[in-house]
Amino acid sequence: MTHLTRAGFRPQVVEVEDLAPVRERYGVPFRLSSCHTGVVGGYVVEGHVPPADVRRLLMEKPKALGLVVPGMPIGSPGMETPQGDKEPYDTLLLLDRSGRTRVFARHV
């Protein structure tokens, strides 16, 4: 949330016991899930998606369900370490409810 706020977004937090129904509603398959699910501009944003990717999504407005960063990659927004460790990861564009994706952005 800190990264989004610093990037100029005004996120609202709604805590729920089980995100599975939320993910199902927005078409995020379990294999692409993470620990956070958000909605912005009619798109789902799943996981530790960098704010720059969210901004690009909103500018380009692709025909898709949203963006996903499966798992919790080290060094992604909110997953930084004191040592500055990072692992490469991709932000994926979730194309449809079947779980088809394509790479939207690469982070190294």
N, C-alpha and C. Protein backbone atom coordinates (compact mmCIF):
# COMPACT_ATOMS: atom_id res chain seq x y z
N MET A 1 0.83 -1.19 0.00
CA MET A 1 0.00 0.00 0.00
C MET A 1 0.88 1.26 0.00
N THR A 2 2.00 1.16 0.69
CA THR A 2 2.92 2.30 0.75
C THR A 2 3.41 2.66 -0.65
N HIS A 3 3.76 1.67 -1.44
CA HIS A 3 4.25 1.93 -2.80
C HIS A 3 3.17 2.59 -3.65
N LEU A 4 1.95 2.12 -3.53
CA LEU A 4 0.85 2.70 -4.30
C LEU A 4 0.58 4.14 -3.87
N THR A 5 0.59 4.38 -2.58
CA THR A 5 0.35 5.73 -2.07
C THR A 5 1.44 6.68 -2.53
N ARG A 6 2.69 6.24 -2.44
CA ARG A 6 3.80 7.08 -2.90
C ARG A 6 3.72 7.38 -4.40
N ALA A 7 3.09 6.48 -5.15
CA ALA A 7 2.96 6.65 -6.60
C ALA A 7 1.74 7.50 -6.97
N GLY A 8 1.01 7.97 -5.96
CA GLY A 8 -0.13 8.85 -6.23
C GLY A 8 -1.49 8.18 -6.21
N PHE A 9 -1.52 6.89 -5.97
CA PHE A 9 -2.82 6.19 -5.85
C PHE A 9 -3.35 6.40 -4.44
N ARG A 10 -4.65 6.22 -4.28
CA ARG A 10 -5.27 6.31 -2.96
C ARG A 10 -5.98 4.98 -2.67
N PRO A 11 -5.21 3.99 -2.29
CA PRO A 11 -5.81 2.66 -2.08
C PRO A 11 -6.69 2.63 -0.83
N GLN A 12 -7.73 1.83 -0.93
CA GLN A 12 -8.61 1.56 0.21
C GLN A 12 -8.44 0.10 0.58
N VAL A 13 -8.24 -0.17 1.84
CA VAL A 13 -8.01 -1.54 2.30
C VAL A 13 -9.32 -2.12 2.81
N VAL A 14 -9.63 -3.32 2.33
CA VAL A 14 -10.77 -4.08 2.83
C VAL A 14 -10.23 -5.46 3.18
N GLU A 15 -10.17 -5.76 4.47
CA GLU A 15 -9.64 -7.05 4.90
C GLU A 15 -10.75 -8.08 4.90
N VAL A 16 -10.45 -9.24 4.32
CA VAL A 16 -11.40 -10.35 4.29
C VAL A 16 -10.69 -11.61 4.79
N GLU A 17 -11.47 -12.54 5.29
CA GLU A 17 -10.91 -13.80 5.80
C GLU A 17 -10.38 -14.68 4.68
N ASP A 18 -11.06 -14.67 3.54
CA ASP A 18 -10.73 -15.59 2.45
C ASP A 18 -10.77 -14.85 1.13
N LEU A 19 -9.63 -14.77 0.46
CA LEU A 19 -9.57 -14.07 -0.83
C LEU A 19 -10.04 -14.92 -2.00
N ALA A 20 -10.20 -16.22 -1.80
CA ALA A 20 -10.59 -17.11 -2.91
C ALA A 20 -11.87 -16.64 -3.62
N PRO A 21 -12.93 -16.28 -2.91
CA PRO A 21 -14.13 -15.81 -3.61
C PRO A 21 -13.89 -14.50 -4.39
N VAL A 22 -13.04 -13.65 -3.85
CA VAL A 22 -12.72 -12.39 -4.55
C VAL A 22 -11.97 -12.70 -5.83
N ARG A 23 -10.98 -13.57 -5.74
CA ARG A 23 -10.21 -13.95 -6.93
C ARG A 23 -11.11 -14.61 -7.97
N GLU A 24 -12.00 -15.48 -7.50
CA GLU A 24 -12.92 -16.15 -8.43
C GLU A 24 -13.80 -15.12 -9.14
N ARG A 25 -14.28 -14.16 -8.39
CA ARG A 25 -15.15 -13.12 -8.97
C ARG A 25 -14.44 -12.36 -10.09
N TYR A 26 -13.14 -12.11 -9.91
CA TYR A 26 -12.39 -11.33 -10.90
C TYR A 26 -11.58 -12.18 -11.86
N GLY A 27 -11.71 -13.51 -11.76
CA GLY A 27 -11.10 -14.39 -12.75
C GLY A 27 -9.65 -14.74 -12.56
N VAL A 28 -9.15 -14.66 -11.32
CA VAL A 28 -7.76 -14.98 -11.05
C VAL A 28 -7.67 -16.45 -10.61
N PRO A 29 -7.06 -17.31 -11.43
CA PRO A 29 -6.93 -18.72 -11.03
C PRO A 29 -5.96 -18.87 -9.86
N PHE A 30 -6.15 -19.91 -9.07
CA PHE A 30 -5.32 -20.14 -7.89
C PHE A 30 -3.84 -20.17 -8.24
N ARG A 31 -3.46 -20.78 -9.36
CA ARG A 31 -2.05 -20.92 -9.72
C ARG A 31 -1.38 -19.57 -9.98
N LEU A 32 -2.17 -18.51 -10.19
CA LEU A 32 -1.62 -17.18 -10.43
C LEU A 32 -1.80 -16.26 -9.22
N SER A 33 -2.24 -16.82 -8.12
CA SER A 33 -2.59 -15.98 -6.97
C SER A 33 -1.37 -15.59 -6.14
N SER A 34 -1.60 -14.63 -5.27
CA SER A 34 -0.60 -14.15 -4.33
C SER A 34 -1.31 -13.85 -3.02
N CYS A 35 -0.87 -12.82 -2.32
CA CYS A 35 -1.43 -12.53 -1.01
C CYS A 35 -2.34 -11.30 -0.98
N HIS A 36 -2.40 -10.56 -2.09
CA HIS A 36 -3.21 -9.34 -2.14
C HIS A 36 -3.99 -9.33 -3.45
N THR A 37 -5.23 -8.89 -3.38
CA THR A 37 -6.04 -8.73 -4.59
C THR A 37 -6.66 -7.35 -4.54
N GLY A 38 -6.51 -6.61 -5.62
CA GLY A 38 -7.09 -5.27 -5.70
C GLY A 38 -7.83 -5.09 -7.01
N VAL A 39 -8.58 -4.02 -7.06
CA VAL A 39 -9.31 -3.66 -8.27
C VAL A 39 -9.09 -2.18 -8.51
N VAL A 40 -8.74 -1.84 -9.75
CA VAL A 40 -8.54 -0.44 -10.13
C VAL A 40 -8.97 -0.26 -11.58
N GLY A 41 -9.80 0.72 -11.81
CA GLY A 41 -10.22 1.02 -13.18
C GLY A 41 -10.89 -0.15 -13.86
N GLY A 42 -11.53 -1.03 -13.09
CA GLY A 42 -12.19 -2.20 -13.67
C GLY A 42 -11.28 -3.38 -13.90
N TYR A 43 -10.01 -3.25 -13.56
CA TYR A 43 -9.03 -4.33 -13.70
C TYR A 43 -8.70 -4.93 -12.34
N VAL A 44 -8.41 -6.22 -12.31
CA VAL A 44 -7.91 -6.86 -11.10
C VAL A 44 -6.39 -6.69 -11.08
N VAL A 45 -5.86 -6.52 -9.88
CA VAL A 45 -4.42 -6.43 -9.67
C VAL A 45 -4.10 -7.42 -8.55
N GLU A 46 -3.40 -8.49 -8.90
CA GLU A 46 -3.13 -9.58 -7.97
C GLU A 46 -1.65 -9.63 -7.62
N GLY A 47 -1.35 -9.54 -6.33
CA GLY A 47 0.03 -9.70 -5.89
C GLY A 47 0.80 -8.40 -5.82
N HIS A 48 2.10 -8.53 -5.80
CA HIS A 48 3.01 -7.40 -5.60
C HIS A 48 3.35 -6.75 -6.95
N VAL A 49 2.36 -6.15 -7.56
CA VAL A 49 2.51 -5.50 -8.87
C VAL A 49 3.08 -4.09 -8.66
N PRO A 50 4.15 -3.75 -9.36
CA PRO A 50 4.71 -2.40 -9.22
C PRO A 50 3.71 -1.33 -9.67
N PRO A 51 3.66 -0.20 -8.96
CA PRO A 51 2.75 0.88 -9.33
C PRO A 51 2.93 1.35 -10.77
N ALA A 52 4.15 1.34 -11.29
CA ALA A 52 4.37 1.76 -12.68
C ALA A 52 3.63 0.85 -13.66
N ASP A 53 3.54 -0.44 -13.33
CA ASP A 53 2.80 -1.37 -14.18
C ASP A 53 1.30 -1.08 -14.11
N VAL A 54 0.81 -0.75 -12.93
CA VAL A 54 -0.61 -0.39 -12.78
C VAL A 54 -0.91 0.87 -13.58
N ARG A 55 -0.05 1.84 -13.49
CA ARG A 55 -0.25 3.09 -14.23
C ARG A 55 -0.27 2.83 -15.74
N ARG A 56 0.67 2.01 -16.21
CA ARG A 56 0.72 1.65 -17.64
C ARG A 56 -0.55 0.93 -18.06
N LEU A 57 -1.03 0.01 -17.23
CA LEU A 57 -2.28 -0.71 -17.51
C LEU A 57 -3.43 0.28 -17.72
N LEU A 58 -3.53 1.25 -16.82
CA LEU A 58 -4.62 2.22 -16.89
C LEU A 58 -4.49 3.15 -18.09
N MET A 59 -3.26 3.40 -18.53
CA MET A 59 -3.06 4.25 -19.71
C MET A 59 -3.35 3.48 -21.00
N GLU A 60 -2.87 2.24 -21.09
CA GLU A 60 -3.01 1.47 -22.32
C GLU A 60 -4.38 0.82 -22.47
N LYS A 61 -5.03 0.53 -21.36
CA LYS A 61 -6.37 -0.08 -21.34
C LYS A 61 -6.49 -1.30 -22.27
N PRO A 62 -5.66 -2.31 -22.05
CA PRO A 62 -5.75 -3.51 -22.91
C PRO A 62 -7.02 -4.29 -22.62
N LYS A 63 -7.43 -5.10 -23.59
CA LYS A 63 -8.56 -6.00 -23.38
C LYS A 63 -8.04 -7.18 -22.56
N ALA A 64 -8.25 -7.12 -21.27
CA ALA A 64 -7.74 -8.14 -20.36
C ALA A 64 -8.46 -7.99 -19.03
N LEU A 65 -8.26 -8.96 -18.16
CA LEU A 65 -8.85 -8.89 -16.83
C LEU A 65 -8.01 -8.05 -15.88
N GLY A 66 -6.67 -8.06 -16.07
CA GLY A 66 -5.83 -7.29 -15.18
C GLY A 66 -4.40 -7.77 -15.17
N LEU A 67 -3.71 -7.50 -14.07
CA LEU A 67 -2.30 -7.84 -13.90
C LEU A 67 -2.12 -8.78 -12.72
N VAL A 68 -1.16 -9.69 -12.85
CA VAL A 68 -0.84 -10.60 -11.76
C VAL A 68 0.67 -10.76 -11.62
N VAL A 69 1.11 -10.82 -10.37
CA VAL A 69 2.46 -11.24 -10.04
C VAL A 69 2.27 -12.41 -9.08
N PRO A 70 2.33 -13.64 -9.62
CA PRO A 70 2.11 -14.81 -8.77
C PRO A 70 3.19 -14.93 -7.69
N GLY A 71 2.80 -15.49 -6.57
CA GLY A 71 3.74 -15.69 -5.47
C GLY A 71 4.13 -14.37 -4.83
N MET A 72 5.31 -14.36 -4.25
CA MET A 72 5.79 -13.17 -3.54
C MET A 72 7.27 -12.99 -3.85
N PRO A 73 7.62 -12.55 -5.06
CA PRO A 73 9.03 -12.46 -5.44
C PRO A 73 9.82 -11.49 -4.55
N ILE A 74 10.99 -11.92 -4.14
CA ILE A 74 11.87 -11.09 -3.33
C ILE A 74 12.27 -9.86 -4.14
N GLY A 75 12.11 -8.69 -3.54
CA GLY A 75 12.47 -7.44 -4.20
C GLY A 75 11.30 -6.76 -4.90
N SER A 76 10.17 -7.44 -5.03
CA SER A 76 8.98 -6.80 -5.60
C SER A 76 8.43 -5.81 -4.56
N PRO A 77 7.58 -4.87 -4.96
CA PRO A 77 7.06 -3.89 -4.01
C PRO A 77 6.45 -4.55 -2.77
N GLY A 78 6.96 -4.19 -1.63
CA GLY A 78 6.49 -4.77 -0.38
C GLY A 78 7.26 -6.01 0.04
N MET A 79 8.13 -6.51 -0.81
CA MET A 79 8.91 -7.71 -0.51
C MET A 79 10.41 -7.41 -0.52
N GLU A 80 10.77 -6.16 -0.25
CA GLU A 80 12.17 -5.77 -0.20
C GLU A 80 12.84 -6.39 1.02
N THR A 81 14.14 -6.56 0.92
CA THR A 81 14.92 -7.07 2.06
C THR A 81 15.89 -5.98 2.49
N PRO A 82 16.35 -6.00 3.74
CA PRO A 82 17.33 -5.01 4.20
C PRO A 82 18.62 -5.06 3.37
N GLN A 83 18.96 -6.23 2.86
CA GLN A 83 20.18 -6.38 2.07
C GLN A 83 19.98 -5.95 0.61
N GLY A 84 18.75 -5.66 0.22
CA GLY A 84 18.48 -5.26 -1.16
C GLY A 84 18.42 -6.42 -2.13
N ASP A 85 18.21 -7.62 -1.62
CA ASP A 85 18.12 -8.80 -2.49
C ASP A 85 16.95 -8.66 -3.46
N LYS A 86 17.16 -9.17 -4.67
CA LYS A 86 16.09 -9.15 -5.68
C LYS A 86 16.17 -10.43 -6.49
N GLU A 87 15.00 -10.92 -6.88
CA GLU A 87 14.94 -12.01 -7.84
C GLU A 87 14.14 -11.52 -9.04
N PRO A 88 14.52 -11.93 -10.24
CA PRO A 88 13.77 -11.50 -11.42
C PRO A 88 12.34 -12.06 -11.37
N TYR A 89 11.40 -11.26 -11.85
CA TYR A 89 10.02 -11.72 -11.93
C TYR A 89 9.32 -10.96 -13.04
N ASP A 90 8.19 -11.50 -13.47
CA ASP A 90 7.39 -10.87 -14.52
C ASP A 90 6.05 -10.45 -13.95
N THR A 91 5.57 -9.31 -14.41
CA THR A 91 4.17 -8.94 -14.22
C THR A 91 3.45 -9.49 -15.43
N LEU A 92 2.41 -10.26 -15.20
CA LEU A 92 1.67 -10.90 -16.28
C LEU A 92 0.35 -10.20 -16.53
N LEU A 93 -0.01 -10.07 -17.79
CA LEU A 93 -1.33 -9.57 -18.17
C LEU A 93 -2.26 -10.76 -18.21
N LEU A 94 -3.27 -10.75 -17.36
CA LEU A 94 -4.26 -11.83 -17.31
C LEU A 94 -5.27 -11.59 -18.41
N LEU A 95 -5.25 -12.45 -19.43
CA LEU A 95 -6.06 -12.21 -20.62
C LEU A 95 -7.51 -12.64 -20.48
N ASP A 96 -7.75 -13.74 -19.77
CA ASP A 96 -9.12 -14.23 -19.66
C ASP A 96 -9.26 -15.15 -18.45
N ARG A 97 -10.47 -15.61 -18.22
CA ARG A 97 -10.77 -16.44 -17.05
C ARG A 97 -10.16 -17.83 -17.12
N SER A 98 -9.68 -18.24 -18.29
CA SER A 98 -9.03 -19.55 -18.38
C SER A 98 -7.62 -19.50 -17.81
N GLY A 99 -7.13 -18.29 -17.53
CA GLY A 99 -5.80 -18.14 -16.97
C GLY A 99 -4.72 -17.87 -17.99
N ARG A 100 -5.11 -17.61 -19.23
CA ARG A 100 -4.10 -17.27 -20.24
C ARG A 100 -3.45 -15.94 -19.87
N THR A 101 -2.14 -15.88 -20.03
CA THR A 101 -1.40 -14.67 -19.70
C THR A 101 -0.37 -14.39 -20.79
N ARG A 102 0.15 -13.19 -20.75
CA ARG A 102 1.35 -12.84 -21.51
C ARG A 102 2.15 -11.89 -20.63
N VAL A 103 3.45 -11.83 -20.88
CA VAL A 103 4.29 -10.95 -20.08
C VAL A 103 3.95 -9.51 -20.38
N PHE A 104 3.68 -8.76 -19.34
CA PHE A 104 3.37 -7.33 -19.44
C PHE A 104 4.61 -6.50 -19.15
N ALA A 105 5.40 -6.95 -18.17
CA ALA A 105 6.63 -6.25 -17.80
C ALA A 105 7.59 -7.23 -17.16
N ARG A 106 8.87 -7.04 -17.40
CA ARG A 106 9.92 -7.86 -16.78
C ARG A 106 10.66 -7.01 -15.75
N HIS A 107 10.94 -7.61 -14.62
CA HIS A 107 11.65 -6.89 -13.55
C HIS A 107 12.86 -7.72 -13.15
N VAL A 108 14.05 -7.11 -13.26
CA VAL A 108 15.28 -7.84 -12.92
C VAL A 108 16.05 -7.11 -11.83
